[in-house]
């Protein structure tokens, strides 16, 4: 692909409800700026309901769109990923993914080392090039009771993390990602009970344990800036597993600072491993979230799809 071929037709898929509705109120001004600086054909579509970005992204290639830029938070990015992933392996029809972070968490944008300002981010996107990154494929029980498949590009987790996401997505996010997620963690820790699960990695023997949370990471950040997987690389053909064992509430609170700084992996109740395939089951109800979106409950099966998606990024991430 030529250096700028991916920009011949760019579409911004905008979630106006992101950042507690602020994205919708500021989009008009942002769009005026985009029209002035974008070198080729560009348009946008607004989402109207949860899941709408999936269908909009699916239809984009039929209209000649070469790059889809998700405008919103990690949930919007996840929907766009799930819209274009079925076209994986076909670089002539699968759009390139870009991210304009205007949401609550912004954790995948942190992994990409993107700037925070809108104008700075747009310039970054114009200078970036498509690079292949890994994607996680998850199969779990949907809230309807049926098994479903969902892709994730940043982080999937289950246990306390799923409960926190359920709380965050049902409350106001006007205080921003860091404070909102921290509030959700502290509130859920007060009532959460660790879960009995069994899991296995890459087809090895099943392991039984009681866990607080299990994180399966492609990217490095989640929860509005926490750093559970400082070693994760989005292009190395594997995912990182972090199993937080049977820790208590007080212990969890005292270790939040270590989790935010990525210094938690030495804790004796935390297990870390790299993997290509992962399975987990439980007799209890254990919530699963992917990229900050609640997708269902255990049982769960996850595998990595190496280089399955092209993402606008900078060279420094791939050294």
C-alpha atoms as a PDB file:
ATOM      1  CA  UNK A   1       0.000   0.000   0.000  1.00  0.00           C
ATOM      2  CA  UNK A   2       1.374   3.406  -0.977  1.00  0.00           C
ATOM      3  CA  UNK A   3       2.212   5.771   1.860  1.00  0.00           C
ATOM      4  CA  UNK A   4      -1.082   7.695   1.697  1.00  0.00           C
ATOM      5  CA  UNK A   5      -3.365   5.276  -0.151  1.00  0.00           C
ATOM      6  CA  UNK A   6      -5.207   4.532   3.080  1.00  0.00           C
ATOM      7  CA  UNK A   7      -6.318   8.186   3.175  1.00  0.00           C
ATOM      8  CA  UNK A   8      -8.058   8.242  -0.220  1.00  0.00           C
ATOM      9  CA  UNK A   9     -11.392   7.882   1.585  1.00  0.00           C
ATOM     10  CA  UNK A  10     -11.526   8.281   5.363  1.00  0.00           C
ATOM     11  CA  UNK A  11     -14.660   7.967   7.463  1.00  0.00           C
ATOM     12  CA  UNK A  12     -14.983   9.135  11.057  1.00  0.00           C
ATOM     13  CA  UNK A  13     -17.513   7.067  13.004  1.00  0.00           C
ATOM     14  CA  UNK A  14     -18.539   9.300  15.900  1.00  0.00           C
ATOM     15  CA  UNK A  15     -20.182   8.319  19.155  1.00  0.00           C
ATOM     16  CA  UNK A  16     -21.884  11.567  20.250  1.00  0.00           C
ATOM     17  CA  UNK A  17     -22.686  10.070  23.676  1.00  0.00           C
ATOM     18  CA  UNK A  18     -18.990   9.572  24.498  1.00  0.00           C
ATOM     19  CA  UNK A  19     -17.433  11.522  27.365  1.00  0.00           C
ATOM     20  CA  UNK A  20     -20.872  11.994  28.921  1.00  0.00           C
ATOM     21  CA  UNK A  21     -22.198  13.667  25.751  1.00  0.00           C
ATOM     22  CA  UNK A  22     -19.365  16.160  25.351  1.00  0.00           C
ATOM     23  CA  UNK A  23     -18.220  14.516  22.106  1.00  0.00           C
ATOM     24  CA  UNK A  24     -21.559  15.296  20.490  1.00  0.00           C
ATOM     25  CA  UNK A  25     -21.546  18.934  21.527  1.00  0.00           C
ATOM     26  CA  UNK A  26     -18.003  19.564  20.297  1.00  0.00           C
ATOM     27  CA  UNK A  27     -18.058  17.484  17.116  1.00  0.00           C
ATOM     28  CA  UNK A  28     -19.264  20.307  14.852  1.00  0.00           C
ATOM     29  CA  UNK A  29     -16.209  22.409  15.618  1.00  0.00           C
ATOM     30  CA  UNK A  30     -13.883  19.407  15.281  1.00  0.00           C
ATOM     31  CA  UNK A  31     -15.396  18.499  11.915  1.00  0.00           C
ATOM     32  CA  UNK A  32     -14.797  22.010  10.568  1.00  0.00           C
ATOM     33  CA  UNK A  33     -11.114  21.645  11.427  1.00  0.00           C
ATOM     34  CA  UNK A  34     -10.914  18.180   9.829  1.00  0.00           C
ATOM     35  CA  UNK A  35     -12.339  19.485   6.563  1.00  0.00           C
ATOM     36  CA  UNK A  36      -9.592  22.102   6.432  1.00  0.00           C
ATOM     37  CA  UNK A  37      -6.643  19.759   7.005  1.00  0.00           C
ATOM     38  CA  UNK A  38      -7.639  16.392   5.517  1.00  0.00           C
ATOM     39  CA  UNK A  39      -5.862  15.807   2.159  1.00  0.00           C
ATOM     40  CA  UNK A  40      -8.419  13.496   0.511  1.00  0.00           C
ATOM     41  CA  UNK A  41     -12.060  12.481   0.646  1.00  0.00           C
ATOM     42  CA  UNK A  42     -13.435  12.446   4.180  1.00  0.00           C
ATOM     43  CA  UNK A  43     -16.877  12.099   5.759  1.00  0.00           C
ATOM     44  CA  UNK A  44     -18.452  11.046   9.025  1.00  0.00           C
ATOM     45  CA  UNK A  45     -21.397   9.139  10.495  1.00  0.00           C
ATOM     46  CA  UNK A  46     -22.927   9.474  13.946  1.00  0.00           C
ATOM     47  CA  UNK A  47     -23.896   6.438  16.013  1.00  0.00           C
ATOM     48  CA  UNK A  48     -27.425   6.401  17.388  1.00  0.00           C
ATOM     49  CA  UNK A  49     -27.455   3.422  19.778  1.00  0.00           C
ATOM     50  CA  UNK A  50     -25.101   0.846  21.375  1.00  0.00           C
ATOM     51  CA  UNK A  51     -23.706  -1.469  18.698  1.00  0.00           C
ATOM     52  CA  UNK A  52     -24.435   0.948  15.849  1.00  0.00           C
ATOM     53  CA  UNK A  53     -20.729   1.493  15.132  1.00  0.00           C
ATOM     54  CA  UNK A  54     -20.429  -2.228  14.325  1.00  0.00           C
ATOM     55  CA  UNK A  55     -22.958  -2.083  11.490  1.00  0.00           C
ATOM     56  CA  UNK A  56     -21.655   1.274  10.223  1.00  0.00           C
ATOM     57  CA  UNK A  57     -18.114  -0.136  10.049  1.00  0.00           C
ATOM     58  CA  UNK A  58     -19.299  -3.283   8.290  1.00  0.00           C
ATOM     59  CA  UNK A  59     -20.853  -1.230   5.492  1.00  0.00           C
ATOM     60  CA  UNK A  60     -17.937   1.173   5.059  1.00  0.00           C
ATOM     61  CA  UNK A  61     -15.938  -0.928   2.518  1.00  0.00           C
ATOM     62  CA  UNK A  62     -18.966  -1.118   0.206  1.00  0.00           C
ATOM     63  CA  UNK A  63     -18.741   2.672  -0.098  1.00  0.00           C
ATOM     64  CA  UNK A  64     -15.016   2.713  -0.870  1.00  0.00           C
ATOM     65  CA  UNK A  65     -13.868   3.693   2.619  1.00  0.00           C
ATOM     66  CA  UNK A  66     -10.190   2.820   3.162  1.00  0.00           C
ATOM     67  CA  UNK A  67      -9.764   4.076   6.736  1.00  0.00           C
ATOM     68  CA  UNK A  68     -12.303   4.144   9.575  1.00  0.00           C
ATOM     69  CA  UNK A  69     -11.482   6.378  12.521  1.00  0.00           C
ATOM     70  CA  UNK A  70     -13.348   5.612  15.739  1.00  0.00           C
ATOM     71  CA  UNK A  71     -14.285   8.820  17.558  1.00  0.00           C
ATOM     72  CA  UNK A  72     -15.163   8.191  21.191  1.00  0.00           C
ATOM     73  CA  UNK A  73     -13.870   5.931  23.927  1.00  0.00           C
ATOM     74  CA  UNK A  74     -12.547   2.390  24.059  1.00  0.00           C
ATOM     75  CA  UNK A  75     -16.064   1.023  23.652  1.00  0.00           C
ATOM     76  CA  UNK A  76     -16.436   2.832  20.334  1.00  0.00           C
ATOM     77  CA  UNK A  77     -13.055   1.487  19.204  1.00  0.00           C
ATOM     78  CA  UNK A  78     -14.206  -2.011  20.170  1.00  0.00           C
ATOM     79  CA  UNK A  79     -17.368  -1.700  18.089  1.00  0.00           C
ATOM     80  CA  UNK A  80     -15.431  -0.526  15.038  1.00  0.00           C
ATOM     81  CA  UNK A  81     -12.990  -3.411  15.469  1.00  0.00           C
ATOM     82  CA  UNK A  82     -15.892  -5.853  15.582  1.00  0.00           C
ATOM     83  CA  UNK A  83     -17.332  -4.296  12.435  1.00  0.00           C
ATOM     84  CA  UNK A  84     -14.189  -4.631  10.309  1.00  0.00           C
ATOM     85  CA  UNK A  85     -12.617  -7.807  11.740  1.00  0.00           C
ATOM     86  CA  UNK A  86     -14.771 -10.191   9.647  1.00  0.00           C
ATOM     87  CA  UNK A  87     -12.854  -8.818   6.633  1.00  0.00           C
ATOM     88  CA  UNK A  88      -9.460  -9.782   8.087  1.00  0.00           C
ATOM     89  CA  UNK A  89      -6.915 -11.138   5.653  1.00  0.00           C
ATOM     90  CA  UNK A  90      -8.162  -9.020   2.755  1.00  0.00           C
ATOM     91  CA  UNK A  91      -6.171  -5.776   2.674  1.00  0.00           C
ATOM     92  CA  UNK A  92      -8.121  -4.535  -0.346  1.00  0.00           C
ATOM     93  CA  UNK A  93     -11.436  -4.478   1.533  1.00  0.00           C
ATOM     94  CA  UNK A  94     -10.615  -4.428   5.249  1.00  0.00           C
ATOM     95  CA  UNK A  95     -10.349  -0.776   6.294  1.00  0.00           C
ATOM     96  CA  UNK A  96      -7.461   0.552   8.334  1.00  0.00           C
ATOM     97  CA  UNK A  97      -8.404   1.496  11.903  1.00  0.00           C
ATOM     98  CA  UNK A  98      -7.665   4.914  13.365  1.00  0.00           C
ATOM     99  CA  UNK A  99      -8.514   6.290  16.809  1.00  0.00           C
ATOM    100  CA  UNK A 100      -9.564   9.800  17.809  1.00  0.00           C
ATOM    101  CA  UNK A 101      -9.896   9.406  21.565  1.00  0.00           C
ATOM    102  CA  UNK A 102     -12.813  11.417  22.926  1.00  0.00           C
ATOM    103  CA  UNK A 103     -14.113   9.028  25.561  1.00  0.00           C
ATOM    104  CA  UNK A 104     -13.865   8.164  29.237  1.00  0.00           C
ATOM    105  CA  UNK A 105     -10.956   5.724  29.467  1.00  0.00           C
ATOM    106  CA  UNK A 106      -8.785   6.258  26.395  1.00  0.00           C
ATOM    107  CA  UNK A 107      -6.660   3.245  27.304  1.00  0.00           C
ATOM    108  CA  UNK A 108      -5.932   1.920  23.811  1.00  0.00           C
ATOM    109  CA  UNK A 109      -4.823   5.417  22.784  1.00  0.00           C
ATOM    110  CA  UNK A 110      -2.349   5.280  25.685  1.00  0.00           C
ATOM    111  CA  UNK A 111      -0.877   2.043  24.339  1.00  0.00           C
ATOM    112  CA  UNK A 112      -0.500   3.729  20.930  1.00  0.00           C
ATOM    113  CA  UNK A 113       1.221   6.644  22.710  1.00  0.00           C
ATOM    114  CA  UNK A 114      -1.121   9.130  21.074  1.00  0.00           C
ATOM    115  CA  UNK A 115      -1.227  12.804  22.095  1.00  0.00           C
ATOM    116  CA  UNK A 116      -4.211  13.998  24.138  1.00  0.00           C
ATOM    117  CA  UNK A 117      -5.339  17.152  22.319  1.00  0.00           C
ATOM    118  CA  UNK A 118      -7.732  16.882  19.369  1.00  0.00           C
ATOM    119  CA  UNK A 119      -5.659  18.945  16.927  1.00  0.00           C
ATOM    120  CA  UNK A 120      -2.468  17.202  17.978  1.00  0.00           C
ATOM    121  CA  UNK A 121      -4.144  13.815  17.536  1.00  0.00           C
ATOM    122  CA  UNK A 122      -5.421  14.661  14.060  1.00  0.00           C
ATOM    123  CA  UNK A 123      -1.927  15.689  12.983  1.00  0.00           C
ATOM    124  CA  UNK A 124      -0.593  12.455  14.507  1.00  0.00           C
ATOM    125  CA  UNK A 125      -3.129  10.447  12.484  1.00  0.00           C
ATOM    126  CA  UNK A 126      -2.131  12.161   9.247  1.00  0.00           C
ATOM    127  CA  UNK A 127       1.529  11.368   9.912  1.00  0.00           C
ATOM    128  CA  UNK A 128       0.893   7.765  11.030  1.00  0.00           C
ATOM    129  CA  UNK A 129       0.925   4.714   8.753  1.00  0.00           C
ATOM    130  CA  UNK A 130      -1.023   1.427   8.790  1.00  0.00           C
ATOM    131  CA  UNK A 131       0.747  -1.317  10.724  1.00  0.00           C
ATOM    132  CA  UNK A 132      -0.496  -4.847  11.495  1.00  0.00           C
ATOM    133  CA  UNK A 133      -1.469  -5.486  15.101  1.00  0.00           C
ATOM    134  CA  UNK A 134      -2.803  -8.514  16.945  1.00  0.00           C
ATOM    135  CA  UNK A 135      -6.444  -8.914  17.921  1.00  0.00           C
ATOM    136  CA  UNK A 136      -8.004 -11.112  20.590  1.00  0.00           C
ATOM    137  CA  UNK A 137     -10.986 -13.307  19.743  1.00  0.00           C
ATOM    138  CA  UNK A 138     -13.258 -14.184  22.668  1.00  0.00           C
ATOM    139  CA  UNK A 139     -16.141 -16.640  22.873  1.00  0.00           C
ATOM    140  CA  UNK A 140     -18.300 -16.373  25.996  1.00  0.00           C
ATOM    141  CA  UNK A 141     -21.906 -16.646  27.146  1.00  0.00           C
ATOM    142  CA  UNK A 142     -23.832 -13.537  26.141  1.00  0.00           C
ATOM    143  CA  UNK A 143     -26.344 -11.946  28.480  1.00  0.00           C
ATOM    144  CA  UNK A 144     -29.065 -13.566  26.348  1.00  0.00           C
ATOM    145  CA  UNK A 145     -27.716 -16.993  27.340  1.00  0.00           C
ATOM    146  CA  UNK A 146     -26.275 -17.892  23.940  1.00  0.00           C
ATOM    147  CA  UNK A 147     -22.570 -18.230  23.181  1.00  0.00           C
ATOM    148  CA  UNK A 148     -21.207 -15.232  21.263  1.00  0.00           C
ATOM    149  CA  UNK A 149     -17.946 -14.211  19.591  1.00  0.00           C
ATOM    150  CA  UNK A 150     -16.430 -10.820  20.285  1.00  0.00           C
ATOM    151  CA  UNK A 151     -13.109  -9.330  19.210  1.00  0.00           C
ATOM    152  CA  UNK A 152     -11.002  -7.079  21.417  1.00  0.00           C
ATOM    153  CA  UNK A 153      -7.955  -4.993  20.585  1.00  0.00           C
ATOM    154  CA  UNK A 154      -6.913  -3.753  24.021  1.00  0.00           C
ATOM    155  CA  UNK A 155      -7.826  -5.793  27.105  1.00  0.00           C
ATOM    156  CA  UNK A 156     -10.382  -8.372  28.162  1.00  0.00           C
ATOM    157  CA  UNK A 157     -10.880  -9.127  31.831  1.00  0.00           C
ATOM    158  CA  UNK A 158     -13.288 -10.978  34.066  1.00  0.00           C
ATOM    159  CA  UNK A 159     -14.099 -10.946  37.750  1.00  0.00           C
ATOM    160  CA  UNK A 160     -13.914  -7.644  39.600  1.00  0.00           C
ATOM    161  CA  UNK A 161     -13.092  -5.848  36.328  1.00  0.00           C
ATOM    162  CA  UNK A 162     -16.343  -6.981  34.731  1.00  0.00           C
ATOM    163  CA  UNK A 163     -18.321  -5.763  37.738  1.00  0.00           C
ATOM    164  CA  UNK A 164     -16.528  -2.398  37.642  1.00  0.00           C
ATOM    165  CA  UNK A 165     -17.294  -1.948  33.935  1.00  0.00           C
ATOM    166  CA  UNK A 166     -20.948  -2.791  34.565  1.00  0.00           C
ATOM    167  CA  UNK A 167     -21.022  -0.064  37.248  1.00  0.00           C
ATOM    168  CA  UNK A 168     -19.101   2.538  35.184  1.00  0.00           C
ATOM    169  CA  UNK A 169     -21.308   2.108  32.127  1.00  0.00           C
ATOM    170  CA  UNK A 170     -24.459   2.618  34.195  1.00  0.00           C
ATOM    171  CA  UNK A 171     -23.283   5.823  35.935  1.00  0.00           C
ATOM    172  CA  UNK A 172     -22.295   9.322  34.897  1.00  0.00           C
ATOM    173  CA  UNK A 173     -18.770   9.740  33.510  1.00  0.00           C
ATOM    174  CA  UNK A 174     -18.669  13.524  33.828  1.00  0.00           C
ATOM    175  CA  UNK A 175     -15.706  13.398  36.244  1.00  0.00           C
ATOM    176  CA  UNK A 176     -13.467  11.798  33.594  1.00  0.00           C
ATOM    177  CA  UNK A 177     -11.998   8.356  33.143  1.00  0.00           C
ATOM    178  CA  UNK A 178      -9.512   8.180  36.021  1.00  0.00           C
ATOM    179  CA  UNK A 179     -11.893   9.311  38.760  1.00  0.00           C
ATOM    180  CA  UNK A 180     -14.881   7.412  37.339  1.00  0.00           C
ATOM    181  CA  UNK A 181     -13.033   4.099  37.161  1.00  0.00           C
ATOM    182  CA  UNK A 182     -11.381   4.605  40.559  1.00  0.00           C
ATOM    183  CA  UNK A 183     -14.795   5.279  42.092  1.00  0.00           C
ATOM    184  CA  UNK A 184     -16.169   2.159  40.420  1.00  0.00           C
ATOM    185  CA  UNK A 185     -13.288   0.052  41.731  1.00  0.00           C
ATOM    186  CA  UNK A 186     -13.658   1.252  45.321  1.00  0.00           C
ATOM    187  CA  UNK A 187     -17.459   0.856  45.347  1.00  0.00           C
ATOM    188  CA  UNK A 188     -17.325  -2.630  43.857  1.00  0.00           C
ATOM    189  CA  UNK A 189     -14.473  -3.747  46.122  1.00  0.00           C
ATOM    190  CA  UNK A 190     -16.708  -3.035  49.109  1.00  0.00           C
ATOM    191  CA  UNK A 191     -19.248  -5.663  48.016  1.00  0.00           C
ATOM    192  CA  UNK A 192     -17.363  -7.943  45.616  1.00  0.00           C
ATOM    193  CA  UNK A 193     -16.628 -11.567  46.508  1.00  0.00           C
ATOM    194  CA  UNK A 194     -13.734 -13.353  44.788  1.00  0.00           C
ATOM    195  CA  UNK A 195     -14.737 -16.164  42.426  1.00  0.00           C
ATOM    196  CA  UNK A 196     -13.847 -19.831  42.191  1.00  0.00           C
ATOM    197  CA  UNK A 197     -12.730 -20.604  38.642  1.00  0.00           C
ATOM    198  CA  UNK A 198     -10.694 -23.080  36.684  1.00  0.00           C
ATOM    199  CA  UNK A 199      -8.576 -22.124  33.704  1.00  0.00           C
ATOM    200  CA  UNK A 200      -5.986 -23.499  31.352  1.00  0.00           C
ATOM    201  CA  UNK A 201      -3.367 -21.933  29.111  1.00  0.00           C
ATOM    202  CA  UNK A 202      -2.450 -23.176  25.620  1.00  0.00           C
ATOM    203  CA  UNK A 203      -4.143 -26.533  26.190  1.00  0.00           C
ATOM    204  CA  UNK A 204      -2.177 -27.417  29.346  1.00  0.00           C
ATOM    205  CA  UNK A 205      -3.696 -28.886  32.530  1.00  0.00           C
ATOM    206  CA  UNK A 206      -6.635 -27.122  34.153  1.00  0.00           C
ATOM    207  CA  UNK A 207      -5.788 -25.009  37.192  1.00  0.00           C
ATOM    208  CA  UNK A 208      -8.307 -24.371  39.968  1.00  0.00           C
ATOM    209  CA  UNK A 209      -8.097 -21.168  42.009  1.00  0.00           C
ATOM    210  CA  UNK A 210     -10.016 -18.373  43.677  1.00  0.00           C
ATOM    211  CA  UNK A 211      -9.467 -15.076  41.893  1.00  0.00           C
ATOM    212  CA  UNK A 212     -10.215 -11.409  42.275  1.00  0.00           C
ATOM    213  CA  UNK A 213      -9.668 -10.594  38.606  1.00  0.00           C
ATOM    214  CA  UNK A 214      -8.144 -12.100  35.465  1.00  0.00           C
ATOM    215  CA  UNK A 215      -6.737  -9.802  32.768  1.00  0.00           C
ATOM    216  CA  UNK A 216      -5.987 -10.945  29.205  1.00  0.00           C
ATOM    217  CA  UNK A 217      -4.032  -8.146  27.594  1.00  0.00           C
ATOM    218  CA  UNK A 218      -3.093  -7.142  24.087  1.00  0.00           C
ATOM    219  CA  UNK A 219      -2.570  -3.496  25.065  1.00  0.00           C
ATOM    220  CA  UNK A 220      -1.009  -2.226  28.259  1.00  0.00           C
ATOM    221  CA  UNK A 221      -3.628  -0.059  29.983  1.00  0.00           C
ATOM    222  CA  UNK A 222      -7.172  -0.352  31.279  1.00  0.00           C
ATOM    223  CA  UNK A 223      -9.496   1.300  33.789  1.00  0.00           C
ATOM    224  CA  UNK A 224      -8.631   4.872  32.848  1.00  0.00           C
ATOM    225  CA  UNK A 225      -4.848   4.597  33.084  1.00  0.00           C
ATOM    226  CA  UNK A 226      -4.100   1.537  35.233  1.00  0.00           C
ATOM    227  CA  UNK A 227      -1.109  -0.415  33.892  1.00  0.00           C
ATOM    228  CA  UNK A 228      -1.808  -4.149  34.344  1.00  0.00           C
ATOM    229  CA  UNK A 229       0.378  -5.358  31.454  1.00  0.00           C
ATOM    230  CA  UNK A 230       3.496  -3.180  31.135  1.00  0.00           C
ATOM    231  CA  UNK A 231       5.190  -5.874  29.037  1.00  0.00           C
ATOM    232  CA  UNK A 232       2.384  -6.204  26.457  1.00  0.00           C
ATOM    233  CA  UNK A 233       3.151  -5.612  22.768  1.00  0.00           C
ATOM    234  CA  UNK A 234       0.297  -5.310  20.278  1.00  0.00           C
ATOM    235  CA  UNK A 235       2.295  -6.894  17.457  1.00  0.00           C
ATOM    236  CA  UNK A 236       4.152  -9.849  19.038  1.00  0.00           C
ATOM    237  CA  UNK A 237       1.658 -12.620  18.216  1.00  0.00           C
ATOM    238  CA  UNK A 238       0.716 -13.331  21.825  1.00  0.00           C
ATOM    239  CA  UNK A 239      -1.419 -12.026  24.669  1.00  0.00           C
ATOM    240  CA  UNK A 240      -0.427 -11.494  28.291  1.00  0.00           C
ATOM    241  CA  UNK A 241      -2.352 -13.121  31.126  1.00  0.00           C
ATOM    242  CA  UNK A 242      -2.405 -11.608  34.633  1.00  0.00           C
ATOM    243  CA  UNK A 243      -4.277 -13.606  37.278  1.00  0.00           C
ATOM    244  CA  UNK A 244      -4.932 -11.622  40.452  1.00  0.00           C
ATOM    245  CA  UNK A 245      -5.591 -14.286  43.074  1.00  0.00           C
ATOM    246  CA  UNK A 246      -7.523 -14.368  46.315  1.00  0.00           C
ATOM    247  CA  UNK A 247      -6.644 -10.913  47.612  1.00  0.00           C
ATOM    248  CA  UNK A 248      -8.806  -9.129  50.154  1.00  0.00           C
ATOM    249  CA  UNK A 249     -10.423  -5.694  49.915  1.00  0.00           C
ATOM    250  CA  UNK A 250      -7.863  -3.856  52.025  1.00  0.00           C
ATOM    251  CA  UNK A 251      -4.987  -5.570  50.233  1.00  0.00           C
ATOM    252  CA  UNK A 252      -6.476  -4.588  46.869  1.00  0.00           C
ATOM    253  CA  UNK A 253      -6.866  -0.934  47.876  1.00  0.00           C
ATOM    254  CA  UNK A 254      -3.289  -0.724  49.159  1.00  0.00           C
ATOM    255  CA  UNK A 255      -1.998  -2.179  45.884  1.00  0.00           C
ATOM    256  CA  UNK A 256      -3.936   0.131  43.537  1.00  0.00           C
ATOM    257  CA  UNK A 257      -0.972   2.502  43.315  1.00  0.00           C
ATOM    258  CA  UNK A 258       1.294  -0.391  42.294  1.00  0.00           C
ATOM    259  CA  UNK A 259      -1.245  -1.436  39.643  1.00  0.00           C
ATOM    260  CA  UNK A 260      -1.382   2.118  38.280  1.00  0.00           C
ATOM    261  CA  UNK A 261       2.407   2.181  38.009  1.00  0.00           C
ATOM    262  CA  UNK A 262       2.795  -1.357  36.646  1.00  0.00           C
ATOM    263  CA  UNK A 263       4.665  -2.593  39.739  1.00  0.00           C
ATOM    264  CA  UNK A 264       2.157  -5.254  40.809  1.00  0.00           C
ATOM    265  CA  UNK A 265       3.495  -8.357  39.043  1.00  0.00           C
ATOM    266  CA  UNK A 266       5.912  -9.232  41.877  1.00  0.00           C
ATOM    267  CA  UNK A 267       2.999  -9.659  44.307  1.00  0.00           C
ATOM    268  CA  UNK A 268       2.900 -13.281  45.581  1.00  0.00           C
ATOM    269  CA  UNK A 269      -0.815 -13.633  44.755  1.00  0.00           C
ATOM    270  CA  UNK A 270      -0.415 -12.515  41.135  1.00  0.00           C
ATOM    271  CA  UNK A 271       0.422 -14.897  38.290  1.00  0.00           C
ATOM    272  CA  UNK A 272       1.681 -13.773  34.859  1.00  0.00           C
ATOM    273  CA  UNK A 273       2.097 -15.698  31.608  1.00  0.00           C
ATOM    274  CA  UNK A 274       2.140 -15.151  27.843  1.00  0.00           C
ATOM    275  CA  UNK A 275      -0.214 -17.249  25.727  1.00  0.00           C
ATOM    276  CA  UNK A 276      -1.944 -17.863  22.411  1.00  0.00           C
ATOM    277  CA  UNK A 277      -5.042 -19.660  23.764  1.00  0.00           C
ATOM    278  CA  UNK A 278      -6.880 -19.450  27.090  1.00  0.00           C
ATOM    279  CA  UNK A 279     -10.006 -21.043  28.562  1.00  0.00           C
ATOM    280  CA  UNK A 280     -11.873 -20.394  31.815  1.00  0.00           C
ATOM    281  CA  UNK A 281     -14.978 -21.774  33.500  1.00  0.00           C
ATOM    282  CA  UNK A 282     -16.843 -21.228  36.753  1.00  0.00           C
ATOM    283  CA  UNK A 283     -19.930 -22.474  38.569  1.00  0.00           C
ATOM    284  CA  UNK A 284     -20.518 -18.858  39.636  1.00  0.00           C
ATOM    285  CA  UNK A 285     -21.659 -15.885  37.583  1.00  0.00           C
ATOM    286  CA  UNK A 286     -18.486 -14.107  36.479  1.00  0.00           C
ATOM    287  CA  UNK A 287     -18.806 -11.028  34.266  1.00  0.00           C
ATOM    288  CA  UNK A 288     -16.549 -10.571  31.233  1.00  0.00           C
ATOM    289  CA  UNK A 289     -15.724  -7.229  29.624  1.00  0.00           C
ATOM    290  CA  UNK A 290     -13.773  -6.475  26.463  1.00  0.00           C
ATOM    291  CA  UNK A 291     -12.268  -3.027  25.889  1.00  0.00           C
ATOM    292  CA  UNK A 292     -14.510  -1.596  28.592  1.00  0.00           C
ATOM    293  CA  UNK A 293     -17.717  -3.132  27.241  1.00  0.00           C
ATOM    294  CA  UNK A 294     -19.602  -5.827  29.168  1.00  0.00           C
ATOM    295  CA  UNK A 295     -19.956  -8.768  26.736  1.00  0.00           C
ATOM    296  CA  UNK A 296     -21.208 -11.634  28.898  1.00  0.00           C
ATOM    297  CA  UNK A 297     -20.119 -14.206  31.460  1.00  0.00           C
ATOM    298  CA  UNK A 298     -17.970 -17.310  31.767  1.00  0.00           C
ATOM    299  CA  UNK A 299     -17.361 -19.847  30.245  1.00  0.00           C
ATOM    300  CA  UNK A 300     -14.774 -18.122  28.085  1.00  0.00           C
ATOM    301  CA  UNK A 301     -12.371 -19.104  25.345  1.00  0.00           C
ATOM    302  CA  UNK A 302      -9.790 -16.625  23.998  1.00  0.00           C
ATOM    303  CA  UNK A 303      -7.206 -16.859  21.236  1.00  0.00           C
ATOM    304  CA  UNK A 304      -4.871 -14.359  19.624  1.00  0.00           C
ATOM    305  CA  UNK A 305      -5.132 -13.518  15.917  1.00  0.00           C
ATOM    306  CA  UNK A 306      -1.643 -12.282  14.979  1.00  0.00           C
ATOM    307  CA  UNK A 307      -1.470  -9.229  12.716  1.00  0.00           C
ATOM    308  CA  UNK A 308      -5.207  -9.446  12.024  1.00  0.00           C
ATOM    309  CA  UNK A 309      -5.878  -5.711  11.787  1.00  0.00           C
ATOM    310  CA  UNK A 310      -4.015  -2.671  10.439  1.00  0.00           C
ATOM    311  CA  UNK A 311      -3.965   0.310  12.764  1.00  0.00           C
ATOM    312  CA  UNK A 312      -2.675   3.842  12.197  1.00  0.00           C
ATOM    313  CA  UNK A 313       0.364   4.147  14.442  1.00  0.00           C
ATOM    314  CA  UNK A 314       3.922   5.375  14.676  1.00  0.00           C
ATOM    315  CA  UNK A 315       7.110   3.425  13.976  1.00  0.00           C
ATOM    316  CA  UNK A 316       8.423   3.660  17.524  1.00  0.00           C
ATOM    317  CA  UNK A 317       5.831   1.160  18.788  1.00  0.00           C
ATOM    318  CA  UNK A 318       7.227  -1.593  16.551  1.00  0.00           C
ATOM    319  CA  UNK A 319      10.902  -1.646  17.434  1.00  0.00           C
END
